[in-house]
């Protein structure tokens, strides 16, 4: 992966997809270290973080993470998630942020040289192709070291560079195994963009 000190960089973090990859690798994301790492690699223009929120609750397990990121250099992009009960009686939350991420990347593409996409979702292949045509290089961060791989093959092929999340372990792994806060209360389903709530407090 090649970064140049003078190039303008933007990060696009698909929150649920990144969490699913990190969990599969048993990696704890330290978002402060993540931001510092890419700030050192070039001129960081923006770091977007995308997630859906269940808003009509007294307590949201992801809210502390969202608030921390919002105060510490990330641009938060959220929208209300849709909550429903499946036929077995289990509560599920559905939230898809693909459109929001795609619009932001296309809009900012004229102001950056390098986009870093934290997602393995194959639906982003055409988006990556579109910004590449504008002269933007694209690095995709996901993992092939999980079983099954977290990144779609078509997305990996389209990207200019692929960075396996496992190779960032020493940079991103939180010391002591303590979670600041994460999307750990949700189980991510890549096929239909569902989250299944695991926290009984909610």
C-alpha atoms as a PDB file:
ATOM      1  CA  UNK A   1       0.000   0.000   0.000  1.00  0.00           C
ATOM      2  CA  UNK A   2       1.458   3.321  -1.089  1.00  0.00           C
ATOM      3  CA  UNK A   3       0.619   6.667   0.482  1.00  0.00           C
ATOM      4  CA  UNK A   4       2.304   9.956  -0.333  1.00  0.00           C
ATOM      5  CA  UNK A   5       2.815  12.726   2.255  1.00  0.00           C
ATOM      6  CA  UNK A   6       1.310  15.396   0.012  1.00  0.00           C
ATOM      7  CA  UNK A   7      -1.831  13.517  -1.037  1.00  0.00           C
ATOM      8  CA  UNK A   8      -5.262  14.313   0.351  1.00  0.00           C
ATOM      9  CA  UNK A   9      -6.900  11.335   2.044  1.00  0.00           C
ATOM     10  CA  UNK A  10     -10.463  10.608   3.149  1.00  0.00           C
ATOM     11  CA  UNK A  11     -11.610   7.611   5.189  1.00  0.00           C
ATOM     12  CA  UNK A  12     -14.999   5.976   4.662  1.00  0.00           C
ATOM     13  CA  UNK A  13     -15.836   3.562   7.466  1.00  0.00           C
ATOM     14  CA  UNK A  14     -18.783   1.197   7.105  1.00  0.00           C
ATOM     15  CA  UNK A  15     -19.188   0.786  10.869  1.00  0.00           C
ATOM     16  CA  UNK A  16     -21.081  -2.497  10.976  1.00  0.00           C
ATOM     17  CA  UNK A  17     -18.921  -4.114   8.303  1.00  0.00           C
ATOM     18  CA  UNK A  18     -15.696  -3.060  10.018  1.00  0.00           C
ATOM     19  CA  UNK A  19     -16.971  -4.370  13.340  1.00  0.00           C
ATOM     20  CA  UNK A  20     -17.868  -7.733  11.774  1.00  0.00           C
ATOM     21  CA  UNK A  21     -14.369  -8.060  10.286  1.00  0.00           C
ATOM     22  CA  UNK A  22     -12.679  -7.060  13.535  1.00  0.00           C
ATOM     23  CA  UNK A  23     -14.768  -9.493  15.538  1.00  0.00           C
ATOM     24  CA  UNK A  24     -13.966 -12.338  13.161  1.00  0.00           C
ATOM     25  CA  UNK A  25     -10.246 -11.560  13.612  1.00  0.00           C
ATOM     26  CA  UNK A  26     -10.579 -11.023  17.376  1.00  0.00           C
ATOM     27  CA  UNK A  27      -9.231  -7.495  16.926  1.00  0.00           C
ATOM     28  CA  UNK A  28     -10.287  -4.520  19.050  1.00  0.00           C
ATOM     29  CA  UNK A  29     -10.406  -1.319  17.013  1.00  0.00           C
ATOM     30  CA  UNK A  30      -8.760   1.693  18.628  1.00  0.00           C
ATOM     31  CA  UNK A  31     -10.284   4.558  16.668  1.00  0.00           C
ATOM     32  CA  UNK A  32      -7.852   7.094  18.107  1.00  0.00           C
ATOM     33  CA  UNK A  33      -4.911   5.068  16.770  1.00  0.00           C
ATOM     34  CA  UNK A  34      -6.682   4.554  13.463  1.00  0.00           C
ATOM     35  CA  UNK A  35      -7.114   8.278  12.944  1.00  0.00           C
ATOM     36  CA  UNK A  36      -3.522   8.997  13.987  1.00  0.00           C
ATOM     37  CA  UNK A  37      -2.170   6.345  11.614  1.00  0.00           C
ATOM     38  CA  UNK A  38      -3.809   7.790   8.516  1.00  0.00           C
ATOM     39  CA  UNK A  39      -3.047  11.352   9.578  1.00  0.00           C
ATOM     40  CA  UNK A  40       0.631  10.388   9.407  1.00  0.00           C
ATOM     41  CA  UNK A  41       0.274   8.829   5.953  1.00  0.00           C
ATOM     42  CA  UNK A  42      -0.904  11.997   4.205  1.00  0.00           C
ATOM     43  CA  UNK A  43      -3.153  15.039   4.533  1.00  0.00           C
ATOM     44  CA  UNK A  44      -6.310  13.646   6.108  1.00  0.00           C
ATOM     45  CA  UNK A  45      -9.242  15.680   4.792  1.00  0.00           C
ATOM     46  CA  UNK A  46     -12.116  13.797   6.433  1.00  0.00           C
ATOM     47  CA  UNK A  47     -12.873  10.567   8.294  1.00  0.00           C
ATOM     48  CA  UNK A  48     -16.488   9.488   7.805  1.00  0.00           C
ATOM     49  CA  UNK A  49     -18.122   6.858  10.012  1.00  0.00           C
ATOM     50  CA  UNK A  50     -21.477   5.376   8.951  1.00  0.00           C
ATOM     51  CA  UNK A  51     -23.964   3.601  11.185  1.00  0.00           C
ATOM     52  CA  UNK A  52     -27.692   3.253  11.722  1.00  0.00           C
ATOM     53  CA  UNK A  53     -29.141   4.018  15.152  1.00  0.00           C
ATOM     54  CA  UNK A  54     -32.212   2.865  17.034  1.00  0.00           C
ATOM     55  CA  UNK A  55     -33.359   6.232  18.309  1.00  0.00           C
ATOM     56  CA  UNK A  56     -36.511   5.507  20.333  1.00  0.00           C
ATOM     57  CA  UNK A  57     -34.689   3.845  23.223  1.00  0.00           C
ATOM     58  CA  UNK A  58     -33.690   5.006  26.703  1.00  0.00           C
ATOM     59  CA  UNK A  59     -30.299   3.355  26.178  1.00  0.00           C
ATOM     60  CA  UNK A  60     -28.529   2.690  22.913  1.00  0.00           C
ATOM     61  CA  UNK A  61     -25.408   0.501  23.222  1.00  0.00           C
ATOM     62  CA  UNK A  62     -23.751   2.189  20.268  1.00  0.00           C
ATOM     63  CA  UNK A  63     -24.461   5.774  21.382  1.00  0.00           C
ATOM     64  CA  UNK A  64     -21.284   6.121  23.531  1.00  0.00           C
ATOM     65  CA  UNK A  65     -19.136   5.146  20.538  1.00  0.00           C
ATOM     66  CA  UNK A  66     -20.978   7.535  18.239  1.00  0.00           C
ATOM     67  CA  UNK A  67     -20.566  10.395  20.720  1.00  0.00           C
ATOM     68  CA  UNK A  68     -16.862   9.652  21.261  1.00  0.00           C
ATOM     69  CA  UNK A  69     -16.142   9.553  17.538  1.00  0.00           C
ATOM     70  CA  UNK A  70     -18.115  12.759  16.984  1.00  0.00           C
ATOM     71  CA  UNK A  71     -15.967  14.608  19.534  1.00  0.00           C
ATOM     72  CA  UNK A  72     -12.667  13.114  18.364  1.00  0.00           C
ATOM     73  CA  UNK A  73     -12.204  13.955  14.717  1.00  0.00           C
ATOM     74  CA  UNK A  74     -14.735  11.758  12.901  1.00  0.00           C
ATOM     75  CA  UNK A  75     -17.628  12.946  10.761  1.00  0.00           C
ATOM     76  CA  UNK A  76     -20.610  10.895  11.872  1.00  0.00           C
ATOM     77  CA  UNK A  77     -23.247   9.908   9.337  1.00  0.00           C
ATOM     78  CA  UNK A  78     -26.238   8.219  10.942  1.00  0.00           C
ATOM     79  CA  UNK A  79     -29.878   7.547  10.240  1.00  0.00           C
ATOM     80  CA  UNK A  80     -32.686   5.810  12.136  1.00  0.00           C
ATOM     81  CA  UNK A  81     -32.593   2.038  11.936  1.00  0.00           C
ATOM     82  CA  UNK A  82     -35.711  -0.029  11.356  1.00  0.00           C
ATOM     83  CA  UNK A  83     -36.562  -2.375  14.194  1.00  0.00           C
ATOM     84  CA  UNK A  84     -38.719  -5.473  13.811  1.00  0.00           C
ATOM     85  CA  UNK A  85     -39.383  -8.899  15.319  1.00  0.00           C
ATOM     86  CA  UNK A  86     -38.665 -11.992  13.239  1.00  0.00           C
ATOM     87  CA  UNK A  87     -40.955 -15.085  13.141  1.00  0.00           C
ATOM     88  CA  UNK A  88     -39.031 -16.645  16.045  1.00  0.00           C
ATOM     89  CA  UNK A  89     -39.705 -13.634  18.259  1.00  0.00           C
ATOM     90  CA  UNK A  90     -36.173 -12.243  18.176  1.00  0.00           C
ATOM     91  CA  UNK A  91     -35.703  -8.475  17.864  1.00  0.00           C
ATOM     92  CA  UNK A  92     -33.718  -7.342  14.861  1.00  0.00           C
ATOM     93  CA  UNK A  93     -32.548  -3.998  13.586  1.00  0.00           C
ATOM     94  CA  UNK A  94     -32.065  -3.248   9.901  1.00  0.00           C
ATOM     95  CA  UNK A  95     -29.950  -0.370   8.710  1.00  0.00           C
ATOM     96  CA  UNK A  96     -28.239   0.143   5.371  1.00  0.00           C
ATOM     97  CA  UNK A  97     -25.834   3.076   4.940  1.00  0.00           C
ATOM     98  CA  UNK A  98     -24.566   2.240   1.437  1.00  0.00           C
ATOM     99  CA  UNK A  99     -26.295   5.168  -0.296  1.00  0.00           C
ATOM    100  CA  UNK A 100     -25.015   7.705   2.227  1.00  0.00           C
ATOM    101  CA  UNK A 101     -21.454   6.445   1.887  1.00  0.00           C
ATOM    102  CA  UNK A 102     -21.619   6.413  -1.908  1.00  0.00           C
ATOM    103  CA  UNK A 103     -22.956   9.967  -2.119  1.00  0.00           C
ATOM    104  CA  UNK A 104     -20.285  11.310   0.235  1.00  0.00           C
ATOM    105  CA  UNK A 105     -17.450   9.595  -1.622  1.00  0.00           C
ATOM    106  CA  UNK A 106     -18.641  10.867  -4.985  1.00  0.00           C
ATOM    107  CA  UNK A 107     -19.164  14.407  -3.688  1.00  0.00           C
ATOM    108  CA  UNK A 108     -15.727  14.677  -2.098  1.00  0.00           C
ATOM    109  CA  UNK A 109     -13.870  12.857  -4.887  1.00  0.00           C
ATOM    110  CA  UNK A 110     -12.842  16.123  -6.571  1.00  0.00           C
ATOM    111  CA  UNK A 111     -11.150  17.269  -3.357  1.00  0.00           C
ATOM    112  CA  UNK A 112      -9.094  14.161  -2.518  1.00  0.00           C
ATOM    113  CA  UNK A 113      -6.382  12.015  -4.065  1.00  0.00           C
ATOM    114  CA  UNK A 114      -6.880   8.805  -2.107  1.00  0.00           C
ATOM    115  CA  UNK A 115     -10.011   7.211  -0.629  1.00  0.00           C
ATOM    116  CA  UNK A 116      -9.723   4.523   2.025  1.00  0.00           C
ATOM    117  CA  UNK A 117     -12.831   2.354   2.242  1.00  0.00           C
ATOM    118  CA  UNK A 118     -13.289   0.209   5.346  1.00  0.00           C
ATOM    119  CA  UNK A 119     -15.724  -2.368   4.010  1.00  0.00           C
ATOM    120  CA  UNK A 120     -15.770  -5.675   2.191  1.00  0.00           C
ATOM    121  CA  UNK A 121     -19.218  -5.178   0.664  1.00  0.00           C
ATOM    122  CA  UNK A 122     -19.199  -6.093  -3.020  1.00  0.00           C
ATOM    123  CA  UNK A 123     -21.950  -3.539  -3.693  1.00  0.00           C
ATOM    124  CA  UNK A 124     -19.261  -0.849  -3.498  1.00  0.00           C
ATOM    125  CA  UNK A 125     -17.372  -2.123  -6.561  1.00  0.00           C
ATOM    126  CA  UNK A 126     -19.128   0.269  -8.963  1.00  0.00           C
ATOM    127  CA  UNK A 127     -18.597   3.152  -6.551  1.00  0.00           C
ATOM    128  CA  UNK A 128     -14.880   2.428  -6.419  1.00  0.00           C
ATOM    129  CA  UNK A 129     -14.750   2.250 -10.215  1.00  0.00           C
ATOM    130  CA  UNK A 130     -16.574   5.585 -10.498  1.00  0.00           C
ATOM    131  CA  UNK A 131     -14.182   7.510  -8.234  1.00  0.00           C
ATOM    132  CA  UNK A 132     -11.176   5.864  -9.886  1.00  0.00           C
ATOM    133  CA  UNK A 133     -12.338   7.368 -13.177  1.00  0.00           C
ATOM    134  CA  UNK A 134     -12.044  10.762 -11.469  1.00  0.00           C
ATOM    135  CA  UNK A 135      -8.376  10.077 -10.753  1.00  0.00           C
ATOM    136  CA  UNK A 136      -8.781   9.010  -7.121  1.00  0.00           C
ATOM    137  CA  UNK A 137      -6.825   6.014  -5.879  1.00  0.00           C
ATOM    138  CA  UNK A 138      -8.786   3.641  -3.642  1.00  0.00           C
ATOM    139  CA  UNK A 139      -7.526   1.424  -0.835  1.00  0.00           C
ATOM    140  CA  UNK A 140      -9.975  -1.110   0.581  1.00  0.00           C
ATOM    141  CA  UNK A 141      -9.528  -2.338   4.150  1.00  0.00           C
ATOM    142  CA  UNK A 142     -11.157  -5.657   5.053  1.00  0.00           C
ATOM    143  CA  UNK A 143      -9.908  -9.216   5.497  1.00  0.00           C
ATOM    144  CA  UNK A 144      -9.271 -12.435   3.611  1.00  0.00           C
ATOM    145  CA  UNK A 145      -7.879 -14.057   6.756  1.00  0.00           C
ATOM    146  CA  UNK A 146     -11.312 -14.969   8.090  1.00  0.00           C
ATOM    147  CA  UNK A 147     -13.383 -17.994   7.165  1.00  0.00           C
ATOM    148  CA  UNK A 148     -15.149 -17.112   4.956  1.00  0.00           C
ATOM    149  CA  UNK A 149     -13.281 -14.001   3.750  1.00  0.00           C
ATOM    150  CA  UNK A 150     -14.980 -10.738   4.727  1.00  0.00           C
ATOM    151  CA  UNK A 151     -14.235  -9.003   1.433  1.00  0.00           C
ATOM    152  CA  UNK A 152     -16.026  -9.693  -1.821  1.00  0.00           C
ATOM    153  CA  UNK A 153     -13.614 -10.781  -4.540  1.00  0.00           C
ATOM    154  CA  UNK A 154     -14.969  -8.242  -7.056  1.00  0.00           C
ATOM    155  CA  UNK A 155     -14.318  -5.364  -4.655  1.00  0.00           C
ATOM    156  CA  UNK A 156     -10.790  -6.530  -3.931  1.00  0.00           C
ATOM    157  CA  UNK A 157     -10.030  -6.802  -7.648  1.00  0.00           C
ATOM    158  CA  UNK A 158     -11.390  -3.321  -8.360  1.00  0.00           C
ATOM    159  CA  UNK A 159      -9.432  -1.567  -5.609  1.00  0.00           C
ATOM    160  CA  UNK A 160      -6.031  -0.059  -6.347  1.00  0.00           C
ATOM    161  CA  UNK A 161      -4.761  -1.489  -3.078  1.00  0.00           C
ATOM    162  CA  UNK A 162      -6.080  -3.989  -0.588  1.00  0.00           C
ATOM    163  CA  UNK A 163      -5.082  -3.813   3.065  1.00  0.00           C
ATOM    164  CA  UNK A 164      -5.941  -6.729   5.317  1.00  0.00           C
ATOM    165  CA  UNK A 165      -7.237  -5.575   8.676  1.00  0.00           C
ATOM    166  CA  UNK A 166      -5.163  -8.296  10.318  1.00  0.00           C
ATOM    167  CA  UNK A 167      -2.006  -6.558   9.103  1.00  0.00           C
ATOM    168  CA  UNK A 168      -3.043  -3.441  11.034  1.00  0.00           C
ATOM    169  CA  UNK A 169      -3.391  -5.457  14.242  1.00  0.00           C
ATOM    170  CA  UNK A 170      -0.439  -3.848  16.017  1.00  0.00           C
ATOM    171  CA  UNK A 171      -1.697  -0.384  15.074  1.00  0.00           C
ATOM    172  CA  UNK A 172      -5.377  -0.818  15.805  1.00  0.00           C
ATOM    173  CA  UNK A 173      -5.589  -3.457  18.520  1.00  0.00           C
ATOM    174  CA  UNK A 174      -6.596  -1.939  21.841  1.00  0.00           C
ATOM    175  CA  UNK A 175      -4.238  -2.683  24.723  1.00  0.00           C
ATOM    176  CA  UNK A 176      -5.531  -4.823  27.558  1.00  0.00           C
ATOM    177  CA  UNK A 177      -8.508  -6.035  25.560  1.00  0.00           C
ATOM    178  CA  UNK A 178     -10.760  -3.309  26.978  1.00  0.00           C
ATOM    179  CA  UNK A 179     -13.462  -2.004  24.679  1.00  0.00           C
ATOM    180  CA  UNK A 180     -13.999   1.733  24.675  1.00  0.00           C
ATOM    181  CA  UNK A 181     -17.381   1.047  23.121  1.00  0.00           C
ATOM    182  CA  UNK A 182     -18.272  -0.714  19.914  1.00  0.00           C
ATOM    183  CA  UNK A 183     -21.054  -2.134  17.827  1.00  0.00           C
ATOM    184  CA  UNK A 184     -20.572  -5.398  19.725  1.00  0.00           C
ATOM    185  CA  UNK A 185     -24.203  -5.485  20.811  1.00  0.00           C
ATOM    186  CA  UNK A 186     -25.246  -6.036  17.221  1.00  0.00           C
ATOM    187  CA  UNK A 187     -24.721  -9.026  15.000  1.00  0.00           C
ATOM    188  CA  UNK A 188     -24.193  -8.017  11.398  1.00  0.00           C
ATOM    189  CA  UNK A 189     -25.716  -9.904   8.489  1.00  0.00           C
ATOM    190  CA  UNK A 190     -23.930  -8.939   5.287  1.00  0.00           C
ATOM    191  CA  UNK A 191     -26.518 -10.451   2.946  1.00  0.00           C
ATOM    192  CA  UNK A 192     -29.448  -8.281   3.971  1.00  0.00           C
ATOM    193  CA  UNK A 193     -27.764  -5.554   6.015  1.00  0.00           C
ATOM    194  CA  UNK A 194     -29.486  -6.654   9.222  1.00  0.00           C
ATOM    195  CA  UNK A 195     -28.256  -6.225  12.759  1.00  0.00           C
ATOM    196  CA  UNK A 196     -29.458  -8.579  15.461  1.00  0.00           C
ATOM    197  CA  UNK A 197     -29.497  -7.104  18.933  1.00  0.00           C
ATOM    198  CA  UNK A 198     -27.650  -9.190  21.478  1.00  0.00           C
ATOM    199  CA  UNK A 199     -27.791  -6.830  24.434  1.00  0.00           C
ATOM    200  CA  UNK A 200     -30.741  -7.728  26.633  1.00  0.00           C
ATOM    201  CA  UNK A 201     -30.722  -4.257  28.196  1.00  0.00           C
ATOM    202  CA  UNK A 202     -32.117  -2.796  25.004  1.00  0.00           C
END
